[in-house]
C-alpha atoms as a PDB file:
ATOM      1  CA  UNK A   1      34.718 250.773  61.001  1.00  0.00           C
ATOM      2  CA  UNK A   2      32.133 248.660  62.709  1.00  0.00           C
ATOM      3  CA  UNK A   3      33.279 246.598  65.676  1.00  0.00           C
ATOM      4  CA  UNK A   4      32.976 242.804  65.445  1.00  0.00           C
ATOM      5  CA  UNK A   5      31.000 241.136  68.125  1.00  0.00           C
ATOM      6  CA  UNK A   6      31.430 237.433  69.095  1.00  0.00           C
ATOM      7  CA  UNK A   7      27.941 236.093  69.296  1.00  0.00           C
ATOM      8  CA  UNK A   8      29.011 232.715  70.790  1.00  0.00           C
ATOM      9  CA  UNK A   9      28.180 232.504  74.450  1.00  0.00           C
ATOM     10  CA  UNK A  10      31.223 232.413  76.754  1.00  0.00           C
ATOM     11  CA  UNK A  11      30.215 228.982  78.042  1.00  0.00           C
ATOM     12  CA  UNK A  12      30.407 227.550  74.559  1.00  0.00           C
ATOM     13  CA  UNK A  13      33.512 229.251  73.356  1.00  0.00           C
ATOM     14  CA  UNK A  14      35.893 226.556  74.851  1.00  0.00           C
ATOM     15  CA  UNK A  15      34.533 223.911  72.468  1.00  0.00           C
ATOM     16  CA  UNK A  16      36.221 225.541  69.535  1.00  0.00           C
ATOM     17  CA  UNK A  17      39.665 225.011  71.124  1.00  0.00           C
ATOM     18  CA  UNK A  18      41.931 222.210  69.797  1.00  0.00           C
ATOM     19  CA  UNK A  19      42.163 219.073  72.069  1.00  0.00           C
ATOM     20  CA  UNK A  20      45.929 218.394  71.920  1.00  0.00           C
ATOM     21  CA  UNK A  21      45.761 215.359  74.253  1.00  0.00           C
ATOM     22  CA  UNK A  22      43.198 213.626  72.091  1.00  0.00           C
ATOM     23  CA  UNK A  23      45.245 214.247  68.962  1.00  0.00           C
ATOM     24  CA  UNK A  24      48.343 212.870  70.663  1.00  0.00           C
ATOM     25  CA  UNK A  25      46.457 209.762  71.797  1.00  0.00           C
ATOM     26  CA  UNK A  26      45.097 209.285  68.282  1.00  0.00           C
ATOM     27  CA  UNK A  27      48.574 209.636  66.775  1.00  0.00           C
ATOM     28  CA  UNK A  28      50.008 207.127  69.257  1.00  0.00           C
ATOM     29  CA  UNK A  29      47.226 204.689  68.393  1.00  0.00           C
ATOM     30  CA  UNK A  30      48.014 205.051  64.701  1.00  0.00           C
ATOM     31  CA  UNK A  31      51.731 204.430  65.350  1.00  0.00           C
ATOM     32  CA  UNK A  32      50.971 201.347  67.473  1.00  0.00           C
ATOM     33  CA  UNK A  33      48.642 199.924  64.818  1.00  0.00           C
ATOM     34  CA  UNK A  34      51.276 200.545  62.139  1.00  0.00           C
ATOM     35  CA  UNK A  35      53.969 198.913  64.284  1.00  0.00           C
ATOM     36  CA  UNK A  36      51.739 195.876  64.883  1.00  0.00           C
ATOM     37  CA  UNK A  37      50.990 195.555  61.185  1.00  0.00           C
ATOM     38  CA  UNK A  38      54.643 195.944  60.230  1.00  0.00           C
ATOM     39  CA  UNK A  39      55.703 193.413  62.862  1.00  0.00           C
ATOM     40  CA  UNK A  40      53.083 190.977  61.648  1.00  0.00           C
ATOM     41  CA  UNK A  41      54.394 191.443  58.105  1.00  0.00           C
ATOM     42  CA  UNK A  42      57.969 190.732  59.171  1.00  0.00           C
ATOM     43  CA  UNK A  43      57.008 187.732  61.302  1.00  0.00           C
ATOM     44  CA  UNK A  44      54.853 186.344  58.538  1.00  0.00           C
ATOM     45  CA  UNK A  45      57.771 186.603  56.091  1.00  0.00           C
ATOM     46  CA  UNK A  46      60.060 184.943  58.644  1.00  0.00           C
ATOM     47  CA  UNK A  47      57.522 182.161  59.191  1.00  0.00           C
ATOM     48  CA  UNK A  48      57.270 181.609  55.434  1.00  0.00           C
ATOM     49  CA  UNK A  49      61.069 181.369  55.147  1.00  0.00           C
ATOM     50  CA  UNK A  50      61.264 178.905  58.045  1.00  0.00           C
ATOM     51  CA  UNK A  51      58.497 176.768  56.580  1.00  0.00           C
ATOM     52  CA  UNK A  52      60.360 176.697  53.274  1.00  0.00           C
ATOM     53  CA  UNK A  53      63.575 175.705  55.055  1.00  0.00           C
ATOM     54  CA  UNK A  54      61.680 172.963  56.916  1.00  0.00           C
ATOM     55  CA  UNK A  55      60.263 171.651  53.653  1.00  0.00           C
ATOM     56  CA  UNK A  56      63.747 171.623  52.101  1.00  0.00           C
ATOM     57  CA  UNK A  57      65.190 169.786  55.104  1.00  0.00           C
ATOM     58  CA  UNK A  58      62.382 167.236  55.027  1.00  0.00           C
ATOM     59  CA  UNK A  59      63.044 166.648  51.348  1.00  0.00           C
ATOM     60  CA  UNK A  60      66.774 166.220  51.995  1.00  0.00           C
ATOM     61  CA  UNK A  61      66.013 163.854  54.886  1.00  0.00           C
ATOM     62  CA  UNK A  62      63.787 161.756  52.626  1.00  0.00           C
ATOM     63  CA  UNK A  63      66.613 161.550  50.074  1.00  0.00           C
ATOM     64  CA  UNK A  64      69.124 160.565  52.776  1.00  0.00           C
ATOM     65  CA  UNK A  65      66.751 157.930  54.171  1.00  0.00           C
ATOM     66  CA  UNK A  66      66.480 156.404  50.712  1.00  0.00           C
ATOM     67  CA  UNK A  67      70.268 156.358  50.359  1.00  0.00           C
ATOM     68  CA  UNK A  68      70.617 154.867  53.846  1.00  0.00           C
ATOM     69  CA  UNK A  69      68.192 152.091  52.949  1.00  0.00           C
ATOM     70  CA  UNK A  70      70.245 151.330  49.840  1.00  0.00           C
ATOM     71  CA  UNK A  71      73.468 151.245  51.866  1.00  0.00           C
ATOM     72  CA  UNK A  72      71.968 149.036  54.585  1.00  0.00           C
ATOM     73  CA  UNK A  73      72.608 145.915  52.528  1.00  0.00           C
ATOM     74  CA  UNK A  74      76.320 146.720  52.476  1.00  0.00           C
ATOM     75  CA  UNK A  75      76.262 147.128  56.253  1.00  0.00           C
ATOM     76  CA  UNK A  76      74.714 143.666  56.546  1.00  0.00           C
ATOM     77  CA  UNK A  77      77.407 142.250  54.270  1.00  0.00           C
ATOM     78  CA  UNK A  78      80.120 143.910  56.352  1.00  0.00           C
ATOM     79  CA  UNK A  79      78.636 142.534  59.579  1.00  0.00           C
ATOM     80  CA  UNK A  80      78.431 139.008  58.141  1.00  0.00           C
ATOM     81  CA  UNK A  81      82.006 139.325  56.963  1.00  0.00           C
ATOM     82  CA  UNK A  82      83.205 140.483  60.384  1.00  0.00           C
ATOM     83  CA  UNK A  83      81.394 137.565  62.051  1.00  0.00           C
ATOM     84  CA  UNK A  84      82.954 135.090  59.611  1.00  0.00           C
ATOM     85  CA  UNK A  85      86.421 136.525  60.236  1.00  0.00           C
ATOM     86  CA  UNK A  86      85.824 136.294  64.007  1.00  0.00           C
ATOM     87  CA  UNK A  87      84.934 132.607  63.654  1.00  0.00           C
ATOM     88  CA  UNK A  88      88.083 131.958  61.615  1.00  0.00           C
ATOM     89  CA  UNK A  89      90.216 133.831  64.151  1.00  0.00           C
ATOM     90  CA  UNK A  90      88.658 131.829  66.989  1.00  0.00           C
ATOM     91  CA  UNK A  91      89.330 128.536  65.246  1.00  0.00           C
ATOM     92  CA  UNK A  92      92.879 129.636  64.481  1.00  0.00           C
ATOM     93  CA  UNK A  93      93.602 130.609  68.093  1.00  0.00           C
ATOM     94  CA  UNK A  94      92.156 127.385  69.572  1.00  0.00           C
ATOM     95  CA  UNK A  95      93.412 124.930  66.982  1.00  0.00           C
ATOM     96  CA  UNK A  96      95.469 121.871  67.957  1.00  0.00           C
ATOM     97  CA  UNK A  97      98.704 121.662  65.986  1.00  0.00           C
ATOM     98  CA  UNK A  98      98.848 117.920  65.436  1.00  0.00           C
ATOM     99  CA  UNK A  99     101.951 118.177  63.280  1.00  0.00           C
ATOM    100  CA  UNK A 100     103.796 120.077  66.014  1.00  0.00           C
ATOM    101  CA  UNK A 101     102.777 117.514  68.632  1.00  0.00           C
ATOM    102  CA  UNK A 102     103.953 114.587  66.536  1.00  0.00           C
ATOM    103  CA  UNK A 103     107.154 116.429  65.653  1.00  0.00           C
ATOM    104  CA  UNK A 104     107.889 117.093  69.349  1.00  0.00           C
ATOM    105  CA  UNK A 105     107.226 113.432  70.189  1.00  0.00           C
ATOM    106  CA  UNK A 106     109.555 112.272  67.431  1.00  0.00           C
ATOM    107  CA  UNK A 107     112.374 114.375  68.930  1.00  0.00           C
ATOM    108  CA  UNK A 108     112.167 112.788  72.398  1.00  0.00           C
ATOM    109  CA  UNK A 109     111.530 109.124  71.557  1.00  0.00           C
ATOM    110  CA  UNK A 110     114.658 106.996  72.127  1.00  0.00           C
ATOM    111  CA  UNK A 111     116.141 105.206  69.135  1.00  0.00           C
ATOM    112  CA  UNK A 112     115.640 101.821  70.786  1.00  0.00           C
ATOM    113  CA  UNK A 113     111.836 102.311  71.018  1.00  0.00           C
ATOM    114  CA  UNK A 114     109.303 102.255  68.198  1.00  0.00           C
ATOM    115  CA  UNK A 115     105.577 102.862  68.022  1.00  0.00           C
ATOM    116  CA  UNK A 116     102.999 100.468  66.641  1.00  0.00           C
ATOM    117  CA  UNK A 117      99.947 102.780  66.864  1.00  0.00           C
ATOM    118  CA  UNK A 118      99.277 106.408  67.731  1.00  0.00           C
ATOM    119  CA  UNK A 119      95.698 107.550  68.333  1.00  0.00           C
ATOM    120  CA  UNK A 120      95.165 111.296  68.735  1.00  0.00           C
ATOM    121  CA  UNK A 121      91.767 112.892  69.471  1.00  0.00           C
ATOM    122  CA  UNK A 122      91.223 116.626  69.925  1.00  0.00           C
ATOM    123  CA  UNK A 123      88.347 118.956  70.607  1.00  0.00           C
ATOM    124  CA  UNK A 124      86.749 120.900  67.781  1.00  0.00           C
ATOM    125  CA  UNK A 125      88.067 124.475  67.695  1.00  0.00           C
ATOM    126  CA  UNK A 126      85.566 127.032  68.957  1.00  0.00           C
ATOM    127  CA  UNK A 127      85.256 130.630  67.873  1.00  0.00           C
ATOM    128  CA  UNK A 128      86.050 133.372  70.382  1.00  0.00           C
ATOM    129  CA  UNK A 129      82.457 134.678  70.105  1.00  0.00           C
ATOM    130  CA  UNK A 130      80.973 131.290  71.017  1.00  0.00           C
ATOM    131  CA  UNK A 131      83.339 130.985  73.961  1.00  0.00           C
ATOM    132  CA  UNK A 132      82.368 134.459  75.183  1.00  0.00           C
ATOM    133  CA  UNK A 133      78.633 133.704  74.965  1.00  0.00           C
ATOM    134  CA  UNK A 134      79.080 130.486  76.901  1.00  0.00           C
ATOM    135  CA  UNK A 135      80.893 132.326  79.680  1.00  0.00           C
ATOM    136  CA  UNK A 136      83.105 129.274  80.222  1.00  0.00           C
ATOM    137  CA  UNK A 137      84.272 126.351  78.180  1.00  0.00           C
ATOM    138  CA  UNK A 138      82.187 123.184  78.310  1.00  0.00           C
ATOM    139  CA  UNK A 139      83.779 120.183  80.017  1.00  0.00           C
ATOM    140  CA  UNK A 140      85.602 117.904  77.627  1.00  0.00           C
ATOM    141  CA  UNK A 141      84.041 114.545  76.941  1.00  0.00           C
ATOM    142  CA  UNK A 142      85.919 111.339  77.601  1.00  0.00           C
ATOM    143  CA  UNK A 143      88.567 110.713  74.966  1.00  0.00           C
ATOM    144  CA  UNK A 144      88.781 114.344  73.844  1.00  0.00           C
ATOM    145  CA  UNK A 145      92.211 115.971  73.640  1.00  0.00           C
ATOM    146  CA  UNK A 146      94.051 112.739  74.375  1.00  0.00           C
ATOM    147  CA  UNK A 147      96.785 110.753  72.742  1.00  0.00           C
ATOM    148  CA  UNK A 148      97.301 107.007  73.083  1.00  0.00           C
ATOM    149  CA  UNK A 149     100.585 105.392  72.089  1.00  0.00           C
ATOM    150  CA  UNK A 150     101.370 101.706  71.821  1.00  0.00           C
ATOM    151  CA  UNK A 151     104.877 100.518  71.022  1.00  0.00           C
ATOM    152  CA  UNK A 152     107.768  98.221  71.856  1.00  0.00           C
ATOM    153  CA  UNK A 153     111.253  98.448  73.279  1.00  0.00           C
ATOM    154  CA  UNK A 154     113.715  96.030  74.781  1.00  0.00           C
ATOM    155  CA  UNK A 155     113.358  96.419  78.545  1.00  0.00           C
ATOM    156  CA  UNK A 156     111.215  97.896  81.254  1.00  0.00           C
ATOM    157  CA  UNK A 157     113.965 100.420  81.962  1.00  0.00           C
ATOM    158  CA  UNK A 158     113.681 101.694  78.398  1.00  0.00           C
ATOM    159  CA  UNK A 159     109.864 101.880  78.765  1.00  0.00           C
ATOM    160  CA  UNK A 160     110.438 104.133  81.778  1.00  0.00           C
ATOM    161  CA  UNK A 161     112.799 106.216  79.654  1.00  0.00           C
ATOM    162  CA  UNK A 162     110.111 106.620  76.982  1.00  0.00           C
ATOM    163  CA  UNK A 163     107.620 107.666  79.660  1.00  0.00           C
ATOM    164  CA  UNK A 164     109.990 110.262  81.135  1.00  0.00           C
ATOM    165  CA  UNK A 165     110.862 111.708  77.749  1.00  0.00           C
ATOM    166  CA  UNK A 166     107.210 112.073  76.742  1.00  0.00           C
ATOM    167  CA  UNK A 167     106.726 114.137  79.896  1.00  0.00           C
ATOM    168  CA  UNK A 168     109.173 116.667  78.409  1.00  0.00           C
ATOM    169  CA  UNK A 169     106.825 117.495  75.528  1.00  0.00           C
ATOM    170  CA  UNK A 170     105.251 120.885  76.426  1.00  0.00           C
ATOM    171  CA  UNK A 171     101.918 120.099  74.749  1.00  0.00           C
ATOM    172  CA  UNK A 172     101.424 116.860  76.719  1.00  0.00           C
ATOM    173  CA  UNK A 173     100.369 116.552  80.333  1.00  0.00           C
ATOM    174  CA  UNK A 174      99.249 113.725  82.570  1.00  0.00           C
ATOM    175  CA  UNK A 175     101.504 111.233  80.789  1.00  0.00           C
ATOM    176  CA  UNK A 176     100.475 107.851  82.191  1.00  0.00           C
ATOM    177  CA  UNK A 177     101.745 104.309  81.661  1.00  0.00           C
ATOM    178  CA  UNK A 178      98.639 102.212  81.037  1.00  0.00           C
ATOM    179  CA  UNK A 179     100.316  98.828  80.664  1.00  0.00           C
ATOM    180  CA  UNK A 180     103.718  97.245  79.984  1.00  0.00           C
ATOM    181  CA  UNK A 181     104.798  93.704  79.225  1.00  0.00           C
ATOM    182  CA  UNK A 182     103.440  91.855  76.226  1.00  0.00           C
ATOM    183  CA  UNK A 183     104.729  92.990  72.809  1.00  0.00           C
ATOM    184  CA  UNK A 184     102.479  95.106  70.625  1.00  0.00           C
ATOM    185  CA  UNK A 185     101.858  93.964  67.091  1.00  0.00           C
ATOM    186  CA  UNK A 186     103.999  91.485  65.166  1.00  0.00           C
ATOM    187  CA  UNK A 187     107.567  91.082  66.458  1.00  0.00           C
ATOM    188  CA  UNK A 188     110.527  88.820  65.849  1.00  0.00           C
ATOM    189  CA  UNK A 189     110.086  85.855  68.235  1.00  0.00           C
ATOM    190  CA  UNK A 190     113.861  85.489  68.533  1.00  0.00           C
ATOM    191  CA  UNK A 191     114.208  89.000  69.946  1.00  0.00           C
ATOM    192  CA  UNK A 192     112.821  89.689  73.370  1.00  0.00           C
ATOM    193  CA  UNK A 193     110.865  92.924  73.406  1.00  0.00           C
ATOM    194  CA  UNK A 194     108.587  94.611  75.897  1.00  0.00           C
ATOM    195  CA  UNK A 195     105.399  96.290  74.810  1.00  0.00           C
ATOM    196  CA  UNK A 196     103.888  99.374  76.397  1.00  0.00           C
ATOM    197  CA  UNK A 197     100.783 101.521  76.221  1.00  0.00           C
ATOM    198  CA  UNK A 198     100.888 105.181  77.240  1.00  0.00           C
ATOM    199  CA  UNK A 199      98.114 107.767  77.477  1.00  0.00           C
ATOM    200  CA  UNK A 200      98.481 111.530  77.797  1.00  0.00           C
ATOM    201  CA  UNK A 201      96.350 114.657  77.671  1.00  0.00           C
ATOM    202  CA  UNK A 202      96.923 117.046  74.760  1.00  0.00           C
ATOM    203  CA  UNK A 203      96.978 120.627  76.013  1.00  0.00           C
ATOM    204  CA  UNK A 204      95.516 123.417  73.899  1.00  0.00           C
ATOM    205  CA  UNK A 205      97.783 125.963  72.209  1.00  0.00           C
ATOM    206  CA  UNK A 206      99.127 128.807  74.286  1.00  0.00           C
ATOM    207  CA  UNK A 207      97.160 132.022  73.877  1.00  0.00           C
ATOM    208  CA  UNK A 208      98.847 134.527  71.601  1.00  0.00           C
ATOM    209  CA  UNK A 209      98.166 138.119  70.730  1.00  0.00           C
ATOM    210  CA  UNK A 210      99.273 137.555  67.151  1.00  0.00           C
ATOM    211  CA  UNK A 211      96.146 137.098  65.006  1.00  0.00           C
ATOM    212  CA  UNK A 212      95.936 135.122  61.818  1.00  0.00           C
ATOM    213  CA  UNK A 213      97.150 137.297  58.907  1.00  0.00           C
ATOM    214  CA  UNK A 214      94.203 139.098  57.327  1.00  0.00           C
ATOM    215  CA  UNK A 215      95.251 137.824  53.925  1.00  0.00           C
ATOM    216  CA  UNK A 216      94.268 134.352  55.179  1.00  0.00           C
ATOM    217  CA  UNK A 217      91.152 135.474  57.025  1.00  0.00           C
ATOM    218  CA  UNK A 218      89.423 137.833  54.601  1.00  0.00           C
ATOM    219  CA  UNK A 219      86.114 136.492  53.391  1.00  0.00           C
ATOM    220  CA  UNK A 220      85.085 137.474  49.877  1.00  0.00           C
END
């Protein structure tokens, strides 16, 4: 058998060898490119899902904003109602009970004294909100929250008794005898009587934590 002879020069024979490092680098590059493409695919799908969720949320928000706008009118009604109830409560708490004042006076007046005229003036009730905004109550004008009584009795001693008894009324303060002597109004000339005029300040009602029943406050 004839012997085979390698005709490739020794210096060139190394070029026919496989370059393992280059193949490994090429394989790694292919893997990296595939990983980048796969990651981009996943991230793109995630971004699409998030954009769809954002669109759904924006649509729901638009629907809720429309419903909120429709319900706003009921909020305005509720606020107006609360303000009206606050005004009523303020008037109730600062009201002057004229009937109670007159009833208390009737219980202390002696039987031998009678009134010719009673003039009672009181301040207008203020709501609690108005009082809070003002910071402090405005000074009362002359003649506000006062009561003036003119009447007759039989002696100056009994006039003093009327004066002392009026001072026992809790809702009256500063009870003052303005004048005494001449009879008030038409009297029997055969009976000697002494007239008197008394002024007093009408105090406001005592503060109470008991509000007006809601059944009497509710505004339709």
